[in-house]
């Protein structure tokens, strides 16, 4: 793991789920800085402004949208890790992030 605070972009089409994920990540603000995006276009716009260490894909995205984001981040910042969050509470969320590191 790293000593640097990680920048995490949460891309999730469902507002309530995105808000929950962001709240859980903000509860660990000493480790992570989380930003939310509802759409693929919004995620790309945010990525133009800063580099994210992790892009967490939440619910509501189509397979094509996930592939589009994967292609985008592979070509713009190969160090960015994309992970899918399948739900299941904070333990699973944190495990997914730690596994990506």
N, C-alpha and C. Protein backbone atom coordinates (compact mmCIF):
# COMPACT_ATOMS: atom_id res chain seq x y z
N UNK A 1 0.84 -1.17 0.00
CA UNK A 1 0.00 0.00 0.00
C UNK A 1 0.88 1.24 0.00
N UNK A 2 0.30 2.36 -0.22
CA UNK A 2 1.03 3.61 -0.33
C UNK A 2 0.71 4.53 0.84
N UNK A 3 1.64 5.48 1.10
CA UNK A 3 1.41 6.46 2.16
C UNK A 3 0.64 7.66 1.65
N UNK A 4 0.52 7.80 0.35
CA UNK A 4 -0.17 8.92 -0.27
C UNK A 4 -1.68 8.70 -0.20
N UNK A 5 -2.40 9.80 0.00
CA UNK A 5 -3.86 9.73 -0.04
C UNK A 5 -4.28 9.44 -1.48
N UNK A 6 -5.11 8.42 -1.66
CA UNK A 6 -5.52 8.00 -2.99
C UNK A 6 -6.73 8.79 -3.46
N UNK A 7 -6.70 9.18 -4.74
CA UNK A 7 -7.84 9.83 -5.38
C UNK A 7 -8.68 8.75 -6.05
N UNK A 8 -9.94 8.67 -5.65
CA UNK A 8 -10.85 7.65 -6.16
C UNK A 8 -12.03 8.34 -6.85
N UNK A 9 -12.29 7.92 -8.08
CA UNK A 9 -13.46 8.40 -8.82
C UNK A 9 -14.51 7.31 -8.79
N UNK A 10 -15.67 7.64 -8.25
CA UNK A 10 -16.78 6.70 -8.17
C UNK A 10 -17.75 7.04 -9.30
N UNK A 11 -17.92 6.10 -10.24
CA UNK A 11 -18.84 6.30 -11.37
C UNK A 11 -20.01 5.36 -11.15
N UNK A 12 -21.18 5.95 -10.89
CA UNK A 12 -22.36 5.16 -10.55
C UNK A 12 -23.60 5.94 -10.98
N UNK A 13 -24.44 5.30 -11.78
CA UNK A 13 -25.62 5.97 -12.31
C UNK A 13 -26.73 6.14 -11.29
N UNK A 14 -26.71 5.35 -10.21
CA UNK A 14 -27.75 5.43 -9.19
C UNK A 14 -27.33 6.37 -8.08
N UNK A 15 -28.05 7.48 -7.97
CA UNK A 15 -27.68 8.55 -7.06
C UNK A 15 -27.54 8.08 -5.61
N UNK A 16 -28.49 7.31 -5.11
CA UNK A 16 -28.46 6.88 -3.71
C UNK A 16 -27.27 5.95 -3.44
N UNK A 17 -27.00 5.07 -4.37
CA UNK A 17 -25.88 4.14 -4.20
C UNK A 17 -24.56 4.91 -4.27
N UNK A 18 -24.46 5.82 -5.24
CA UNK A 18 -23.25 6.65 -5.36
C UNK A 18 -23.03 7.45 -4.07
N UNK A 19 -24.09 8.02 -3.53
CA UNK A 19 -23.97 8.79 -2.29
C UNK A 19 -23.50 7.92 -1.13
N UNK A 20 -23.99 6.71 -1.06
CA UNK A 20 -23.57 5.78 0.00
C UNK A 20 -22.10 5.43 -0.14
N UNK A 21 -21.67 5.12 -1.35
CA UNK A 21 -20.26 4.79 -1.58
C UNK A 21 -19.37 5.98 -1.20
N UNK A 22 -19.76 7.16 -1.65
CA UNK A 22 -18.97 8.35 -1.33
C UNK A 22 -18.92 8.60 0.17
N UNK A 23 -20.05 8.40 0.85
CA UNK A 23 -20.07 8.59 2.31
C UNK A 23 -19.11 7.62 3.00
N UNK A 24 -19.13 6.36 2.57
CA UNK A 24 -18.23 5.37 3.16
C UNK A 24 -16.77 5.73 2.93
N UNK A 25 -16.47 6.20 1.73
CA UNK A 25 -15.09 6.59 1.43
C UNK A 25 -14.68 7.85 2.18
N UNK A 26 -15.60 8.81 2.29
CA UNK A 26 -15.30 10.04 3.02
C UNK A 26 -15.07 9.77 4.51
N UNK A 27 -15.67 8.70 5.03
CA UNK A 27 -15.43 8.32 6.43
C UNK A 27 -13.98 7.92 6.66
N UNK A 28 -13.25 7.66 5.58
CA UNK A 28 -11.83 7.31 5.66
C UNK A 28 -11.01 8.34 4.90
N UNK A 29 -11.33 9.61 5.12
CA UNK A 29 -10.70 10.69 4.36
C UNK A 29 -9.20 10.81 4.64
N UNK A 30 -8.74 10.17 5.70
CA UNK A 30 -7.29 10.18 5.94
C UNK A 30 -6.56 9.29 4.94
N UNK A 31 -7.29 8.38 4.29
CA UNK A 31 -6.70 7.46 3.32
C UNK A 31 -7.06 7.80 1.88
N UNK A 32 -8.31 8.28 1.68
CA UNK A 32 -8.84 8.41 0.34
C UNK A 32 -9.54 9.75 0.14
N UNK A 33 -9.45 10.27 -1.08
CA UNK A 33 -10.24 11.43 -1.49
C UNK A 33 -11.16 10.95 -2.60
N UNK A 34 -12.46 10.99 -2.37
CA UNK A 34 -13.43 10.43 -3.31
C UNK A 34 -14.21 11.54 -4.02
N UNK A 35 -14.42 11.30 -5.31
CA UNK A 35 -15.21 12.19 -6.16
C UNK A 35 -16.23 11.33 -6.89
N UNK A 36 -17.43 11.85 -7.06
CA UNK A 36 -18.48 11.08 -7.72
C UNK A 36 -18.82 11.61 -9.10
N UNK A 37 -19.21 10.68 -9.98
CA UNK A 37 -19.69 11.01 -11.32
C UNK A 37 -20.89 10.12 -11.62
N UNK A 38 -21.88 10.69 -12.27
CA UNK A 38 -23.09 9.94 -12.60
C UNK A 38 -22.99 9.27 -13.97
N UNK A 39 -22.27 9.91 -14.90
CA UNK A 39 -22.21 9.41 -16.27
C UNK A 39 -20.77 9.22 -16.73
N UNK A 40 -20.63 8.51 -17.84
CA UNK A 40 -19.32 8.31 -18.44
C UNK A 40 -18.72 9.66 -18.86
N UNK A 41 -19.52 10.51 -19.46
CA UNK A 41 -19.02 11.82 -19.89
C UNK A 41 -18.55 12.66 -18.71
N UNK A 42 -19.30 12.64 -17.62
CA UNK A 42 -18.90 13.37 -16.43
C UNK A 42 -17.59 12.80 -15.88
N UNK A 43 -17.44 11.49 -15.89
CA UNK A 43 -16.21 10.86 -15.42
C UNK A 43 -15.01 11.30 -16.27
N UNK A 44 -15.20 11.34 -17.57
CA UNK A 44 -14.11 11.77 -18.46
C UNK A 44 -13.74 13.23 -18.23
N UNK A 45 -14.76 14.07 -18.04
CA UNK A 45 -14.49 15.49 -17.76
C UNK A 45 -13.68 15.65 -16.47
N UNK A 46 -14.05 14.91 -15.44
CA UNK A 46 -13.31 14.97 -14.18
C UNK A 46 -11.88 14.46 -14.36
N UNK A 47 -11.72 13.43 -15.19
CA UNK A 47 -10.40 12.86 -15.43
C UNK A 47 -9.50 13.82 -16.21
N UNK A 48 -10.09 14.73 -16.97
CA UNK A 48 -9.30 15.76 -17.65
C UNK A 48 -8.72 16.74 -16.64
N UNK A 49 -9.39 16.90 -15.52
CA UNK A 49 -8.97 17.86 -14.50
C UNK A 49 -7.92 17.31 -13.56
N UNK A 50 -7.94 15.99 -13.33
CA UNK A 50 -6.98 15.38 -12.40
C UNK A 50 -6.83 13.90 -12.72
N UNK A 51 -5.73 13.35 -12.28
CA UNK A 51 -5.49 11.92 -12.42
C UNK A 51 -6.05 11.20 -11.20
N UNK A 52 -6.77 10.14 -11.45
CA UNK A 52 -7.31 9.33 -10.37
C UNK A 52 -6.49 8.05 -10.25
N UNK A 53 -6.29 7.61 -9.01
CA UNK A 53 -5.57 6.36 -8.77
C UNK A 53 -6.48 5.16 -9.05
N UNK A 54 -7.75 5.32 -8.68
CA UNK A 54 -8.73 4.24 -8.83
C UNK A 54 -10.02 4.83 -9.39
N UNK A 55 -10.61 4.10 -10.33
CA UNK A 55 -11.97 4.40 -10.79
C UNK A 55 -12.83 3.23 -10.35
N UNK A 56 -13.78 3.52 -9.49
CA UNK A 56 -14.66 2.49 -8.95
C UNK A 56 -15.97 2.53 -9.73
N UNK A 57 -16.28 1.44 -10.41
CA UNK A 57 -17.49 1.36 -11.23
C UNK A 57 -18.63 0.80 -10.39
N UNK A 58 -19.63 1.63 -10.16
CA UNK A 58 -20.79 1.21 -9.39
C UNK A 58 -21.90 0.73 -10.30
N UNK A 59 -23.08 0.64 -9.76
CA UNK A 59 -24.21 0.09 -10.50
C UNK A 59 -24.79 1.08 -11.50
N UNK A 60 -25.54 0.53 -12.45
CA UNK A 60 -26.26 1.34 -13.41
C UNK A 60 -25.52 1.63 -14.70
N UNK A 61 -24.27 1.19 -14.82
CA UNK A 61 -23.53 1.38 -16.06
C UNK A 61 -23.72 0.16 -16.95
N UNK A 62 -23.85 0.40 -18.23
CA UNK A 62 -23.96 -0.71 -19.16
C UNK A 62 -22.57 -1.31 -19.39
N UNK A 63 -22.56 -2.50 -19.95
CA UNK A 63 -21.28 -3.13 -20.28
C UNK A 63 -20.49 -2.27 -21.25
N UNK A 64 -21.17 -1.67 -22.21
CA UNK A 64 -20.52 -0.80 -23.19
C UNK A 64 -19.92 0.43 -22.50
N UNK A 65 -20.62 1.01 -21.53
CA UNK A 65 -20.10 2.17 -20.81
C UNK A 65 -18.86 1.79 -20.00
N UNK A 66 -18.89 0.62 -19.37
CA UNK A 66 -17.72 0.16 -18.62
C UNK A 66 -16.53 -0.06 -19.56
N UNK A 67 -16.78 -0.64 -20.73
CA UNK A 67 -15.71 -0.85 -21.71
C UNK A 67 -15.16 0.49 -22.21
N UNK A 68 -16.05 1.45 -22.42
CA UNK A 68 -15.64 2.79 -22.85
C UNK A 68 -14.73 3.43 -21.81
N UNK A 69 -15.11 3.35 -20.56
CA UNK A 69 -14.27 3.90 -19.50
C UNK A 69 -12.93 3.18 -19.41
N UNK A 70 -12.95 1.88 -19.54
CA UNK A 70 -11.71 1.11 -19.50
C UNK A 70 -10.77 1.56 -20.63
N UNK A 71 -11.29 1.65 -21.86
CA UNK A 71 -10.47 2.11 -22.99
C UNK A 71 -9.94 3.51 -22.74
N UNK A 72 -10.79 4.38 -22.23
CA UNK A 72 -10.39 5.76 -21.97
C UNK A 72 -9.22 5.82 -20.99
N UNK A 73 -9.35 5.13 -19.87
CA UNK A 73 -8.30 5.22 -18.86
C UNK A 73 -7.03 4.48 -19.27
N UNK A 74 -7.16 3.43 -20.06
CA UNK A 74 -5.97 2.73 -20.55
C UNK A 74 -5.16 3.64 -21.48
N UNK A 75 -5.85 4.46 -22.26
CA UNK A 75 -5.14 5.34 -23.19
C UNK A 75 -4.69 6.65 -22.56
N UNK A 76 -5.37 7.11 -21.52
CA UNK A 76 -5.00 8.41 -20.93
C UNK A 76 -4.13 8.29 -19.68
N UNK A 77 -4.31 7.24 -18.90
CA UNK A 77 -3.53 7.08 -17.68
C UNK A 77 -3.50 5.60 -17.31
N UNK A 78 -2.49 4.92 -17.79
CA UNK A 78 -2.40 3.47 -17.60
C UNK A 78 -2.25 3.07 -16.14
N UNK A 79 -1.85 4.01 -15.28
CA UNK A 79 -1.69 3.69 -13.86
C UNK A 79 -3.03 3.64 -13.12
N UNK A 80 -4.07 4.22 -13.69
CA UNK A 80 -5.38 4.21 -13.05
C UNK A 80 -5.93 2.79 -13.06
N UNK A 81 -6.37 2.35 -11.89
CA UNK A 81 -6.94 1.00 -11.77
C UNK A 81 -8.47 1.12 -11.77
N UNK A 82 -9.11 0.33 -12.62
CA UNK A 82 -10.57 0.28 -12.64
C UNK A 82 -11.02 -0.96 -11.89
N UNK A 83 -11.96 -0.77 -10.99
CA UNK A 83 -12.52 -1.91 -10.26
C UNK A 83 -14.04 -1.78 -10.24
N UNK A 84 -14.69 -2.91 -10.23
CA UNK A 84 -16.15 -2.93 -10.12
C UNK A 84 -16.53 -3.12 -8.65
N UNK A 85 -17.53 -2.35 -8.25
CA UNK A 85 -18.07 -2.53 -6.90
C UNK A 85 -19.44 -3.18 -7.04
N UNK A 86 -19.58 -4.33 -6.43
CA UNK A 86 -20.80 -5.11 -6.58
C UNK A 86 -21.77 -4.93 -5.41
N UNK A 87 -21.44 -4.06 -4.48
CA UNK A 87 -22.29 -3.89 -3.31
C UNK A 87 -21.84 -4.81 -2.19
N UNK A 88 -22.61 -4.89 -1.16
CA UNK A 88 -22.28 -5.81 -0.08
C UNK A 88 -21.71 -5.13 1.14
N UNK A 89 -21.78 -3.81 1.21
CA UNK A 89 -21.36 -3.13 2.42
C UNK A 89 -19.92 -2.65 2.38
N UNK A 90 -19.55 -1.96 3.45
CA UNK A 90 -18.25 -1.30 3.49
C UNK A 90 -17.10 -2.29 3.50
N UNK A 91 -17.27 -3.45 4.13
CA UNK A 91 -16.19 -4.42 4.16
C UNK A 91 -15.78 -4.88 2.77
N UNK A 92 -16.76 -5.17 1.94
CA UNK A 92 -16.47 -5.59 0.57
C UNK A 92 -15.89 -4.42 -0.22
N UNK A 93 -16.43 -3.24 -0.07
CA UNK A 93 -15.92 -2.06 -0.76
C UNK A 93 -14.45 -1.83 -0.44
N UNK A 94 -14.12 -1.84 0.83
CA UNK A 94 -12.73 -1.60 1.23
C UNK A 94 -11.83 -2.73 0.75
N UNK A 95 -12.33 -3.95 0.77
CA UNK A 95 -11.56 -5.10 0.28
C UNK A 95 -11.27 -4.96 -1.21
N UNK A 96 -12.25 -4.49 -1.98
CA UNK A 96 -12.06 -4.29 -3.42
C UNK A 96 -10.97 -3.25 -3.68
N UNK A 97 -10.99 -2.19 -2.90
CA UNK A 97 -9.98 -1.13 -3.07
C UNK A 97 -8.60 -1.66 -2.69
N UNK A 98 -8.49 -2.31 -1.54
CA UNK A 98 -7.19 -2.81 -1.11
C UNK A 98 -6.65 -3.86 -2.08
N UNK A 99 -7.53 -4.67 -2.65
CA UNK A 99 -7.10 -5.68 -3.61
C UNK A 99 -6.54 -5.02 -4.88
N UNK A 100 -7.13 -3.90 -5.29
CA UNK A 100 -6.66 -3.20 -6.48
C UNK A 100 -5.28 -2.60 -6.29
N UNK A 101 -4.94 -2.31 -5.04
CA UNK A 101 -3.64 -1.71 -4.77
C UNK A 101 -2.56 -2.75 -4.85
